[in-house]
Amino acid sequence: SPLLVVLTTLAMMGAHAGSLRGGGWFPPSSVPSMDSSTFHTQLAPLFQATTLTYTATFGTYYNPLVTNNTIDGFSKSHLESNPPMGGMRALVFVENNGGSRILVAFRGTDLNS
């Protein structure tokens, strides 16, 4: 589910937050104390990436018009997993402007396709 992907990503980001140049990702422990605006700003790339795993990859929600879309502040990598006949879908996004963050968004197979 999209929420599971976001929570899994948050857990992975927290494990490496201090080791990335520029401070990396925000610490997951800060999420409960974020106001609504900060929460949406900080998590927007995760939500956008998760959405693209459904709309930019093969399956029930595939929309060819968004295949090359990316997320705010990141470029979509050529690295991906998008098997036409089913399987795990994964997209990779690399931070723009020399940033050191990489986001891998993934989802399971779409049983409706």
N, C-alpha and C. Protein backbone atom coordinates (compact mmCIF):
# COMPACT_ATOMS: atom_id res chain seq x y z
N SER A 1 0.84 -1.19 0.00
CA SER A 1 0.00 0.00 0.00
C SER A 1 0.88 1.24 0.00
N PRO A 2 0.38 2.37 -0.51
CA PRO A 2 1.19 3.60 -0.55
C PRO A 2 1.67 4.04 0.83
N LEU A 3 0.81 3.91 1.85
CA LEU A 3 1.22 4.33 3.19
C LEU A 3 2.36 3.47 3.69
N LEU A 4 2.33 2.18 3.43
CA LEU A 4 3.41 1.30 3.85
C LEU A 4 4.72 1.70 3.18
N VAL A 5 4.67 2.06 1.91
CA VAL A 5 5.88 2.50 1.20
C VAL A 5 6.43 3.74 1.85
N VAL A 6 5.56 4.70 2.19
CA VAL A 6 6.02 5.94 2.82
C VAL A 6 6.63 5.64 4.18
N LEU A 7 5.97 4.83 5.00
CA LEU A 7 6.50 4.52 6.32
C LEU A 7 7.81 3.75 6.23
N THR A 8 7.91 2.81 5.30
CA THR A 8 9.15 2.06 5.11
C THR A 8 10.26 3.01 4.68
N THR A 9 9.94 3.92 3.77
CA THR A 9 10.93 4.89 3.31
C THR A 9 11.37 5.79 4.45
N LEU A 10 10.43 6.23 5.29
CA LEU A 10 10.79 7.05 6.43
C LEU A 10 11.75 6.31 7.35
N ALA A 11 11.49 5.05 7.60
CA ALA A 11 12.36 4.27 8.47
C ALA A 11 13.76 4.16 7.88
N MET A 12 13.85 3.93 6.57
CA MET A 12 15.16 3.81 5.91
C MET A 12 15.87 5.16 5.92
N MET A 13 15.12 6.24 5.72
CA MET A 13 15.74 7.56 5.70
C MET A 13 16.33 7.88 7.07
N GLY A 14 15.61 7.52 8.11
CA GLY A 14 16.09 7.81 9.46
C GLY A 14 17.39 7.09 9.77
N ALA A 15 17.54 5.90 9.25
CA ALA A 15 18.75 5.12 9.50
C ALA A 15 19.98 5.78 8.90
N HIS A 16 19.79 6.60 7.87
CA HIS A 16 20.93 7.21 7.17
C HIS A 16 20.90 8.73 7.22
N ALA A 17 20.01 9.31 8.00
CA ALA A 17 19.80 10.75 7.97
C ALA A 17 21.06 11.54 8.24
N GLY A 18 21.86 11.13 9.20
CA GLY A 18 23.03 11.92 9.55
C GLY A 18 24.22 11.69 8.64
N SER A 19 24.20 10.65 7.84
CA SER A 19 25.38 10.30 7.06
C SER A 19 25.44 10.98 5.70
N LEU A 20 24.35 11.62 5.28
CA LEU A 20 24.33 12.23 3.97
C LEU A 20 24.80 13.68 4.03
N ARG A 21 25.47 14.11 2.97
CA ARG A 21 25.93 15.48 2.87
C ARG A 21 24.73 16.42 2.99
N GLY A 22 24.88 17.52 3.69
CA GLY A 22 23.80 18.49 3.81
C GLY A 22 22.73 18.05 4.80
N GLY A 23 23.00 17.05 5.63
CA GLY A 23 22.04 16.65 6.64
C GLY A 23 21.09 15.56 6.19
N GLY A 24 20.98 15.31 4.89
CA GLY A 24 20.12 14.24 4.42
C GLY A 24 18.65 14.52 4.68
N TRP A 25 17.90 13.47 4.95
CA TRP A 25 16.47 13.55 5.19
C TRP A 25 16.20 14.01 6.61
N PHE A 26 15.01 14.46 6.85
CA PHE A 26 14.60 14.83 8.20
C PHE A 26 14.47 13.56 9.05
N PRO A 27 14.66 13.66 10.35
CA PRO A 27 14.53 12.46 11.18
C PRO A 27 13.06 12.04 11.31
N PRO A 28 12.74 10.77 11.12
CA PRO A 28 11.35 10.31 11.24
C PRO A 28 10.72 10.64 12.58
N SER A 29 11.54 10.74 13.62
CA SER A 29 11.00 11.04 14.95
C SER A 29 10.38 12.43 15.01
N SER A 30 10.70 13.29 14.03
CA SER A 30 10.14 14.65 14.02
C SER A 30 8.73 14.69 13.43
N VAL A 31 8.28 13.62 12.77
CA VAL A 31 6.97 13.63 12.10
C VAL A 31 5.82 13.91 13.06
N PRO A 32 5.73 13.25 14.23
CA PRO A 32 4.58 13.51 15.09
C PRO A 32 4.44 14.96 15.55
N SER A 33 5.55 15.68 15.62
CA SER A 33 5.48 17.06 16.11
C SER A 33 5.39 18.09 14.99
N MET A 34 5.36 17.67 13.73
CA MET A 34 5.27 18.61 12.61
C MET A 34 3.87 19.19 12.50
N ASP A 35 3.81 20.48 12.19
CA ASP A 35 2.49 21.04 11.88
C ASP A 35 2.10 20.56 10.49
N SER A 36 0.85 20.76 10.13
CA SER A 36 0.31 20.22 8.88
C SER A 36 1.08 20.69 7.66
N SER A 37 1.42 21.97 7.61
CA SER A 37 2.13 22.52 6.46
C SER A 37 3.52 21.91 6.31
N THR A 38 4.25 21.80 7.40
CA THR A 38 5.59 21.21 7.37
C THR A 38 5.52 19.75 6.98
N PHE A 39 4.54 19.04 7.54
CA PHE A 39 4.35 17.63 7.23
C PHE A 39 4.18 17.44 5.72
N HIS A 40 3.29 18.21 5.12
CA HIS A 40 3.04 18.07 3.68
C HIS A 40 4.25 18.47 2.84
N THR A 41 4.96 19.50 3.27
CA THR A 41 6.15 19.94 2.54
C THR A 41 7.25 18.88 2.60
N GLN A 42 7.48 18.35 3.79
CA GLN A 42 8.55 17.36 3.97
C GLN A 42 8.24 16.04 3.27
N LEU A 43 6.98 15.64 3.28
CA LEU A 43 6.62 14.33 2.74
C LEU A 43 6.15 14.38 1.28
N ALA A 44 6.00 15.56 0.71
CA ALA A 44 5.52 15.69 -0.67
C ALA A 44 6.31 14.82 -1.66
N PRO A 45 7.65 14.82 -1.62
CA PRO A 45 8.37 13.97 -2.58
C PRO A 45 8.02 12.49 -2.43
N LEU A 46 7.81 12.03 -1.20
CA LEU A 46 7.46 10.63 -0.98
C LEU A 46 6.08 10.31 -1.55
N PHE A 47 5.14 11.21 -1.31
CA PHE A 47 3.78 11.00 -1.83
C PHE A 47 3.77 11.04 -3.35
N GLN A 48 4.51 11.99 -3.93
CA GLN A 48 4.58 12.09 -5.40
C GLN A 48 5.21 10.85 -6.00
N ALA A 49 6.29 10.39 -5.40
CA ALA A 49 6.99 9.20 -5.91
C ALA A 49 6.10 7.96 -5.82
N THR A 50 5.40 7.82 -4.70
CA THR A 50 4.51 6.68 -4.53
C THR A 50 3.39 6.71 -5.57
N THR A 51 2.83 7.87 -5.81
CA THR A 51 1.78 8.01 -6.83
C THR A 51 2.31 7.58 -8.19
N LEU A 52 3.53 7.99 -8.53
CA LEU A 52 4.10 7.64 -9.83
C LEU A 52 4.36 6.14 -9.97
N THR A 53 4.55 5.42 -8.86
CA THR A 53 4.72 3.97 -8.99
C THR A 53 3.44 3.32 -9.51
N TYR A 54 2.33 3.98 -9.35
CA TYR A 54 1.05 3.47 -9.87
C TYR A 54 0.75 4.02 -11.26
N THR A 55 0.96 5.32 -11.46
CA THR A 55 0.52 5.95 -12.70
C THR A 55 1.56 5.93 -13.82
N ALA A 56 2.84 5.80 -13.48
CA ALA A 56 3.90 5.84 -14.50
C ALA A 56 4.47 4.45 -14.79
N THR A 57 3.86 3.42 -14.22
CA THR A 57 4.30 2.05 -14.49
C THR A 57 3.09 1.23 -14.95
N PHE A 58 3.36 0.11 -15.59
CA PHE A 58 2.29 -0.72 -16.12
C PHE A 58 1.36 -1.21 -15.02
N GLY A 59 0.10 -1.32 -15.33
CA GLY A 59 -0.89 -1.82 -14.38
C GLY A 59 -2.21 -1.08 -14.57
N THR A 60 -3.12 -1.31 -13.68
CA THR A 60 -4.47 -0.77 -13.77
C THR A 60 -4.50 0.75 -13.87
N TYR A 61 -3.62 1.44 -13.14
CA TYR A 61 -3.64 2.90 -13.08
C TYR A 61 -2.67 3.57 -14.05
N TYR A 62 -2.03 2.78 -14.90
CA TYR A 62 -1.02 3.32 -15.82
C TYR A 62 -1.60 4.41 -16.70
N ASN A 63 -0.87 5.51 -16.77
CA ASN A 63 -1.24 6.64 -17.63
C ASN A 63 0.00 7.02 -18.43
N PRO A 64 0.05 6.70 -19.72
CA PRO A 64 1.25 6.96 -20.52
C PRO A 64 1.66 8.43 -20.54
N LEU A 65 0.75 9.32 -20.23
CA LEU A 65 1.08 10.75 -20.22
C LEU A 65 2.00 11.14 -19.07
N VAL A 66 2.11 10.31 -18.04
CA VAL A 66 2.96 10.65 -16.90
C VAL A 66 4.20 9.76 -16.79
N THR A 67 4.45 8.93 -17.79
CA THR A 67 5.57 8.00 -17.76
C THR A 67 6.90 8.68 -17.45
N ASN A 68 7.12 9.87 -17.98
CA ASN A 68 8.40 10.56 -17.79
C ASN A 68 8.34 11.63 -16.70
N ASN A 69 7.24 11.71 -15.97
CA ASN A 69 7.13 12.70 -14.89
C ASN A 69 8.13 12.39 -13.79
N THR A 70 8.47 13.42 -13.04
CA THR A 70 9.37 13.27 -11.90
C THR A 70 8.74 13.93 -10.70
N ILE A 71 9.49 14.07 -9.63
CA ILE A 71 8.97 14.69 -8.42
C ILE A 71 9.73 15.98 -8.14
N ASP A 72 9.13 16.85 -7.38
CA ASP A 72 9.73 18.16 -7.09
C ASP A 72 11.12 18.01 -6.49
N GLY A 73 12.10 18.68 -7.11
CA GLY A 73 13.46 18.69 -6.61
C GLY A 73 14.31 17.50 -7.00
N PHE A 74 13.74 16.59 -7.80
CA PHE A 74 14.45 15.37 -8.18
C PHE A 74 14.31 15.13 -9.69
N SER A 75 15.24 14.38 -10.24
CA SER A 75 15.15 13.91 -11.62
C SER A 75 14.89 12.42 -11.59
N LYS A 76 14.07 11.95 -12.51
CA LYS A 76 13.79 10.52 -12.58
C LYS A 76 14.96 9.83 -13.27
N SER A 77 15.45 8.78 -12.64
CA SER A 77 16.56 8.01 -13.18
C SER A 77 16.05 7.06 -14.25
N HIS A 78 16.96 6.59 -15.08
CA HIS A 78 16.62 5.56 -16.06
C HIS A 78 16.49 4.19 -15.38
N LEU A 79 17.00 4.07 -14.16
CA LEU A 79 16.89 2.81 -13.42
C LEU A 79 15.46 2.63 -12.93
N GLU A 80 14.85 1.51 -13.27
CA GLU A 80 13.50 1.22 -12.81
C GLU A 80 13.21 -0.26 -12.97
N SER A 81 12.16 -0.69 -12.30
CA SER A 81 11.62 -2.03 -12.48
C SER A 81 10.17 -1.85 -12.88
N ASN A 82 9.82 -2.24 -14.10
CA ASN A 82 8.47 -2.04 -14.61
C ASN A 82 8.10 -3.17 -15.56
N PRO A 83 8.02 -4.41 -15.04
CA PRO A 83 7.72 -5.54 -15.92
C PRO A 83 6.29 -5.47 -16.46
N PRO A 84 6.11 -5.58 -17.76
CA PRO A 84 4.78 -5.44 -18.37
C PRO A 84 3.79 -6.51 -17.94
N MET A 85 4.24 -7.68 -17.55
CA MET A 85 3.33 -8.77 -17.22
C MET A 85 3.13 -8.95 -15.71
N GLY A 86 3.56 -8.00 -14.91
CA GLY A 86 3.38 -8.09 -13.47
C GLY A 86 4.69 -8.23 -12.74
N GLY A 87 4.67 -7.95 -11.47
CA GLY A 87 5.87 -8.00 -10.64
C GLY A 87 6.07 -6.68 -9.93
N MET A 88 7.14 -6.58 -9.18
CA MET A 88 7.41 -5.36 -8.43
C MET A 88 7.72 -4.20 -9.38
N ARG A 89 7.12 -3.06 -9.10
CA ARG A 89 7.42 -1.84 -9.84
C ARG A 89 8.25 -0.94 -8.93
N ALA A 90 9.31 -0.36 -9.46
CA ALA A 90 10.15 0.54 -8.67
C ALA A 90 10.67 1.66 -9.57
N LEU A 91 10.67 2.86 -9.03
CA LEU A 91 11.21 4.03 -9.72
C LEU A 91 12.28 4.65 -8.84
N VAL A 92 13.31 5.21 -9.48
CA VAL A 92 14.42 5.82 -8.76
C VAL A 92 14.49 7.30 -9.12
N PHE A 93 14.63 8.15 -8.10
CA PHE A 93 14.72 9.59 -8.29
C PHE A 93 15.99 10.09 -7.62
N VAL A 94 16.72 11.00 -8.32
CA VAL A 94 17.98 11.53 -7.83
C VAL A 94 17.80 13.03 -7.60
N GLU A 95 18.25 13.50 -6.45
CA GLU A 95 18.10 14.91 -6.09
C GLU A 95 18.82 15.80 -7.10
N ASN A 96 18.16 16.89 -7.47
CA ASN A 96 18.74 17.88 -8.40
C ASN A 96 19.82 18.72 -7.72
N ASN A 97 20.55 19.48 -8.52
CA ASN A 97 21.53 20.47 -8.07
C ASN A 97 22.63 19.88 -7.20
N GLY A 98 23.11 18.71 -7.56
CA GLY A 98 24.24 18.13 -6.86
C GLY A 98 23.91 17.57 -5.49
N GLY A 99 22.62 17.43 -5.18
CA GLY A 99 22.24 16.86 -3.89
C GLY A 99 22.64 15.40 -3.81
N SER A 100 22.65 14.89 -2.60
CA SER A 100 23.11 13.52 -2.41
C SER A 100 21.97 12.55 -2.10
N ARG A 101 20.74 13.02 -2.15
CA ARG A 101 19.62 12.14 -1.80
C ARG A 101 19.11 11.38 -3.01
N ILE A 102 18.80 10.12 -2.79
CA ILE A 102 18.19 9.25 -3.79
C ILE A 102 16.95 8.66 -3.15
N LEU A 103 15.88 8.63 -3.92
CA LEU A 103 14.62 8.07 -3.43
C LEU A 103 14.22 6.91 -4.33
N VAL A 104 14.01 5.75 -3.73
CA VAL A 104 13.52 4.58 -4.46
C VAL A 104 12.11 4.33 -3.98
N ALA A 105 11.14 4.47 -4.88
CA ALA A 105 9.74 4.21 -4.55
C ALA A 105 9.35 2.90 -5.23
N PHE A 106 8.67 2.04 -4.48
CA PHE A 106 8.33 0.74 -5.05
C PHE A 106 6.93 0.32 -4.60
N ARG A 107 6.37 -0.60 -5.35
CA ARG A 107 5.09 -1.20 -5.00
C ARG A 107 5.08 -2.62 -5.54
N GLY A 108 4.16 -3.42 -5.05
CA GLY A 108 4.03 -4.79 -5.50
C GLY A 108 3.30 -4.86 -6.82
N THR A 109 3.03 -6.06 -7.24
CA THR A 109 2.33 -6.29 -8.49
C THR A 109 0.89 -5.81 -8.40
N ASP A 110 0.31 -5.50 -9.53
CA ASP A 110 -1.08 -5.07 -9.63
C ASP A 110 -1.88 -6.28 -10.07
N LEU A 111 -2.63 -6.87 -9.18
CA LEU A 111 -3.37 -8.09 -9.49
C LEU A 111 -4.55 -7.86 -10.42
N ASN A 112 -4.93 -6.59 -10.64
CA ASN A 112 -6.04 -6.27 -11.52
C ASN A 112 -5.64 -6.07 -12.97
N SER A 113 -4.36 -6.20 -13.28
CA SER A 113 -3.93 -5.94 -14.66
C SER A 113 -3.75 -7.23 -15.43
